[in-house]
Amino acid sequence: APGYTLTDMTAGMPEAVAKQIAGMIPMGRMGDPAEIASAVTFLASPQASYITGQVVGVNGGMYM
């Protein structure tokens, strides 16, 4: 499950709101779309063939 990610939608946020959100994320920033894509690529690969029924948080530690 992705967390806040830098997209056209989040680019429209007021800067103060974006900074407040980034402050709630342990990594101190929103995710990059490539980071979400990397997780999806792994989960769709043969290396993840034994992973079932999981929610993988790709959120910089915001939800643990």
N, C-alpha and C. Protein backbone atom coordinates (compact mmCIF):
# COMPACT_ATOMS: atom_id res chain seq x y z
N ALA A 1 0.85 -1.17 0.00
CA ALA A 1 0.00 0.00 0.00
C ALA A 1 0.89 1.23 0.00
N PRO A 2 0.78 2.04 -1.01
CA PRO A 2 1.64 3.22 -1.06
C PRO A 2 1.20 4.31 -0.10
N GLY A 3 2.18 5.04 0.37
CA GLY A 3 1.90 6.22 1.17
C GLY A 3 1.83 7.44 0.26
N TYR A 4 2.05 8.61 0.86
CA TYR A 4 2.05 9.84 0.06
C TYR A 4 3.18 9.75 -0.96
N THR A 5 2.83 10.04 -2.21
CA THR A 5 3.77 9.91 -3.32
C THR A 5 3.75 11.19 -4.15
N LEU A 6 4.92 11.58 -4.64
CA LEU A 6 5.02 12.78 -5.48
C LEU A 6 4.35 12.51 -6.82
N THR A 7 3.18 13.10 -7.00
CA THR A 7 2.40 12.95 -8.23
C THR A 7 1.83 14.31 -8.61
N ASP A 8 1.13 14.36 -9.72
CA ASP A 8 0.46 15.60 -10.10
C ASP A 8 -0.53 16.03 -9.03
N MET A 9 -1.16 15.05 -8.38
CA MET A 9 -2.15 15.37 -7.35
C MET A 9 -1.49 16.01 -6.13
N THR A 10 -0.39 15.43 -5.65
CA THR A 10 0.26 16.00 -4.47
C THR A 10 1.02 17.28 -4.82
N ALA A 11 1.39 17.46 -6.08
CA ALA A 11 2.07 18.69 -6.50
C ALA A 11 1.16 19.90 -6.33
N GLY A 12 -0.14 19.68 -6.32
CA GLY A 12 -1.09 20.76 -6.15
C GLY A 12 -1.34 21.17 -4.71
N MET A 13 -0.71 20.46 -3.77
CA MET A 13 -0.89 20.79 -2.35
C MET A 13 -0.17 22.10 -2.03
N PRO A 14 -0.73 22.88 -1.12
CA PRO A 14 0.03 24.03 -0.63
C PRO A 14 1.34 23.56 0.00
N GLU A 15 2.39 24.33 -0.15
CA GLU A 15 3.71 23.93 0.35
C GLU A 15 3.69 23.64 1.85
N ALA A 16 2.94 24.41 2.61
CA ALA A 16 2.87 24.19 4.06
C ALA A 16 2.26 22.83 4.38
N VAL A 17 1.26 22.42 3.62
CA VAL A 17 0.63 21.11 3.83
C VAL A 17 1.61 20.00 3.48
N ALA A 18 2.31 20.14 2.36
CA ALA A 18 3.28 19.12 1.95
C ALA A 18 4.39 18.98 2.99
N LYS A 19 4.85 20.09 3.56
CA LYS A 19 5.89 20.04 4.60
C LYS A 19 5.35 19.36 5.86
N GLN A 20 4.10 19.64 6.21
CA GLN A 20 3.50 19.01 7.38
C GLN A 20 3.42 17.50 7.18
N ILE A 21 3.00 17.07 6.02
CA ILE A 21 2.91 15.64 5.72
C ILE A 21 4.30 15.01 5.76
N ALA A 22 5.27 15.65 5.12
CA ALA A 22 6.64 15.12 5.12
C ALA A 22 7.17 15.00 6.54
N GLY A 23 6.77 15.90 7.42
CA GLY A 23 7.19 15.84 8.81
C GLY A 23 6.62 14.66 9.58
N MET A 24 5.54 14.08 9.09
CA MET A 24 4.93 12.91 9.74
C MET A 24 5.52 11.60 9.22
N ILE A 25 6.35 11.68 8.19
CA ILE A 25 6.95 10.49 7.59
C ILE A 25 8.36 10.34 8.14
N PRO A 26 8.70 9.21 8.78
CA PRO A 26 10.04 9.05 9.34
C PRO A 26 11.18 9.33 8.36
N MET A 27 11.00 9.03 7.09
CA MET A 27 12.05 9.32 6.11
C MET A 27 12.09 10.79 5.72
N GLY A 28 11.11 11.57 6.17
CA GLY A 28 11.12 13.01 5.99
C GLY A 28 10.76 13.52 4.61
N ARG A 29 10.15 12.67 3.80
CA ARG A 29 9.78 13.09 2.45
C ARG A 29 8.68 12.18 1.91
N MET A 30 8.04 12.63 0.85
CA MET A 30 7.08 11.78 0.14
C MET A 30 7.84 10.83 -0.77
N GLY A 31 7.20 9.75 -1.13
CA GLY A 31 7.84 8.77 -1.99
C GLY A 31 7.88 9.21 -3.44
N ASP A 32 8.80 8.60 -4.15
CA ASP A 32 8.93 8.82 -5.59
C ASP A 32 8.15 7.72 -6.30
N PRO A 33 7.46 8.02 -7.39
CA PRO A 33 6.72 6.97 -8.10
C PRO A 33 7.59 5.76 -8.46
N ALA A 34 8.86 5.97 -8.74
CA ALA A 34 9.75 4.85 -9.07
C ALA A 34 9.91 3.90 -7.89
N GLU A 35 9.83 4.42 -6.66
CA GLU A 35 9.93 3.56 -5.48
C GLU A 35 8.71 2.65 -5.37
N ILE A 36 7.55 3.18 -5.69
CA ILE A 36 6.33 2.36 -5.69
C ILE A 36 6.43 1.31 -6.80
N ALA A 37 6.87 1.75 -7.97
CA ALA A 37 7.01 0.83 -9.11
C ALA A 37 7.99 -0.29 -8.81
N SER A 38 9.06 0.00 -8.09
CA SER A 38 10.04 -1.04 -7.74
C SER A 38 9.40 -2.11 -6.87
N ALA A 39 8.58 -1.71 -5.92
CA ALA A 39 7.91 -2.69 -5.06
C ALA A 39 6.94 -3.54 -5.88
N VAL A 40 6.19 -2.91 -6.77
CA VAL A 40 5.25 -3.63 -7.62
C VAL A 40 5.99 -4.61 -8.53
N THR A 41 7.09 -4.15 -9.11
CA THR A 41 7.89 -5.01 -9.99
C THR A 41 8.39 -6.23 -9.23
N PHE A 42 8.88 -6.03 -8.01
CA PHE A 42 9.34 -7.16 -7.22
C PHE A 42 8.19 -8.12 -6.92
N LEU A 43 7.06 -7.59 -6.47
CA LEU A 43 5.94 -8.46 -6.11
C LEU A 43 5.38 -9.23 -7.30
N ALA A 44 5.55 -8.70 -8.50
CA ALA A 44 5.08 -9.38 -9.71
C ALA A 44 6.13 -10.32 -10.30
N SER A 45 7.28 -10.41 -9.65
CA SER A 45 8.38 -11.20 -10.19
C SER A 45 8.41 -12.61 -9.60
N PRO A 46 9.16 -13.50 -10.22
CA PRO A 46 9.31 -14.86 -9.69
C PRO A 46 9.95 -14.88 -8.29
N GLN A 47 10.75 -13.87 -7.96
CA GLN A 47 11.38 -13.81 -6.64
C GLN A 47 10.36 -13.68 -5.51
N ALA A 48 9.17 -13.20 -5.82
CA ALA A 48 8.13 -13.04 -4.81
C ALA A 48 7.03 -14.09 -4.95
N SER A 49 7.34 -15.18 -5.62
CA SER A 49 6.31 -16.18 -5.93
C SER A 49 5.70 -16.85 -4.70
N TYR A 50 6.37 -16.82 -3.55
CA TYR A 50 5.84 -17.47 -2.36
C TYR A 50 5.17 -16.47 -1.41
N ILE A 51 5.09 -15.23 -1.81
CA ILE A 51 4.43 -14.20 -1.00
C ILE A 51 2.96 -14.18 -1.39
N THR A 52 2.09 -14.37 -0.40
CA THR A 52 0.65 -14.36 -0.66
C THR A 52 -0.07 -13.56 0.41
N GLY A 53 -1.13 -12.90 0.04
CA GLY A 53 -2.04 -12.26 0.99
C GLY A 53 -1.41 -11.22 1.89
N GLN A 54 -0.47 -10.46 1.39
CA GLN A 54 0.20 -9.45 2.21
C GLN A 54 -0.10 -8.04 1.72
N VAL A 55 -0.06 -7.11 2.64
CA VAL A 55 -0.10 -5.70 2.29
C VAL A 55 1.30 -5.17 2.56
N VAL A 56 1.97 -4.75 1.54
CA VAL A 56 3.34 -4.25 1.68
C VAL A 56 3.27 -2.73 1.73
N GLY A 57 3.66 -2.19 2.87
CA GLY A 57 3.64 -0.74 3.04
C GLY A 57 4.85 -0.10 2.39
N VAL A 58 4.62 0.71 1.39
CA VAL A 58 5.69 1.47 0.74
C VAL A 58 5.39 2.93 1.06
N ASN A 59 5.72 3.31 2.31
CA ASN A 59 5.26 4.60 2.81
C ASN A 59 6.29 5.36 3.63
N GLY A 60 7.55 4.99 3.53
CA GLY A 60 8.60 5.70 4.25
C GLY A 60 8.53 5.56 5.75
N GLY A 61 7.77 4.59 6.23
CA GLY A 61 7.63 4.35 7.67
C GLY A 61 6.46 5.08 8.31
N MET A 62 5.63 5.73 7.51
CA MET A 62 4.50 6.49 8.07
C MET A 62 3.54 5.58 8.83
N TYR A 63 3.33 4.38 8.32
CA TYR A 63 2.45 3.42 9.00
C TYR A 63 3.25 2.16 9.27
N MET A 64 3.46 1.85 10.53
CA MET A 64 4.20 0.63 10.89
C MET A 64 3.40 -0.18 11.87
